[in-house]
Amino acid sequence: MKLTEAVEPCRRCHRSAPFRFYNGNTFAAIIRDVINQLDLPEEQTVVARSLAGHIVAGVATA
């Protein structure tokens, strides 16, 4: 699965706000944990985590 494919379900869940006590950070944390498991150099990991979190939150586009 491509990273962009992994980000999309988190973004959709974040946008649907399925929880009574809405906390969008939950879905950003999920994709950050996924990215942390990838075998990337540290500087790429930092950039990927930040970008994916912003995509999930809806403040950046894929």
Protein backbone atom coordinates (compact mmCIF):
# COMPACT_ATOMS: atom_id res chain seq x y z
CA MET A 1 0.00 0.00 0.00
CA LYS A 2 1.29 3.43 -0.85
CA LEU A 3 1.55 6.02 1.90
CA THR A 4 -1.04 8.19 0.16
CA GLU A 5 -3.42 5.24 0.25
CA ALA A 6 -2.84 4.84 4.00
CA VAL A 7 -3.43 8.55 4.69
CA GLU A 8 -6.78 8.65 2.92
CA PRO A 9 -8.81 6.47 5.35
CA CYS A 10 -7.48 8.54 8.27
CA ARG A 11 -8.48 11.74 6.48
CA ARG A 12 -11.98 10.42 5.73
CA CYS A 13 -12.49 9.27 9.32
CA HIS A 14 -11.26 12.59 10.65
CA ARG A 15 -13.70 14.46 8.40
CA SER A 16 -16.66 12.27 9.38
CA ALA A 17 -16.13 12.97 13.10
CA PRO A 18 -17.53 9.60 14.18
CA PHE A 19 -16.97 10.14 17.89
CA ARG A 20 -19.13 11.97 20.35
CA PHE A 21 -16.13 13.68 21.94
CA TYR A 22 -14.46 14.64 18.70
CA ASN A 23 -10.66 14.57 18.71
CA GLY A 24 -9.04 14.86 15.29
CA ASN A 25 -5.61 14.21 16.73
CA THR A 26 -6.53 10.54 17.00
CA PHE A 27 -6.35 9.99 13.25
CA ALA A 28 -3.22 12.09 12.79
CA ALA A 29 -1.58 9.99 15.53
CA ILE A 30 -2.53 6.78 13.73
CA ILE A 31 -0.86 7.81 10.48
CA ARG A 32 2.18 9.15 12.38
CA ASP A 33 2.57 5.72 14.00
CA VAL A 34 2.34 4.07 10.56
CA ILE A 35 5.04 6.39 9.22
CA ASN A 36 7.26 5.70 12.22
CA GLN A 37 7.25 2.02 11.22
CA LEU A 38 8.66 2.78 7.75
CA ASP A 39 12.34 2.38 7.07
CA LEU A 40 13.03 6.02 6.16
CA PRO A 41 15.91 8.32 7.05
CA GLU A 42 15.06 10.49 10.06
CA GLU A 43 14.71 13.72 8.08
CA GLN A 44 12.27 12.08 5.64
CA THR A 45 10.32 10.58 8.52
CA VAL A 46 9.88 14.01 10.11
CA VAL A 47 8.66 15.54 6.86
CA ALA A 48 6.32 12.61 6.10
CA ARG A 49 4.79 12.68 9.59
CA SER A 50 4.16 16.41 9.38
CA LEU A 51 2.69 16.32 5.89
CA ALA A 52 0.49 13.29 6.60
CA GLY A 53 -0.82 14.88 9.80
CA HIS A 54 -1.70 18.04 7.91
CA ILE A 55 -3.43 16.05 5.16
CA VAL A 56 -5.49 14.15 7.74
CA ALA A 57 -6.44 17.43 9.44
CA GLY A 58 -7.48 18.90 6.08
CA VAL A 59 -4.99 21.77 6.04
CA ALA A 60 -2.82 20.28 3.26
CA THR A 61 -3.68 18.35 0.13
CA ALA A 62 -2.14 15.14 -1.04
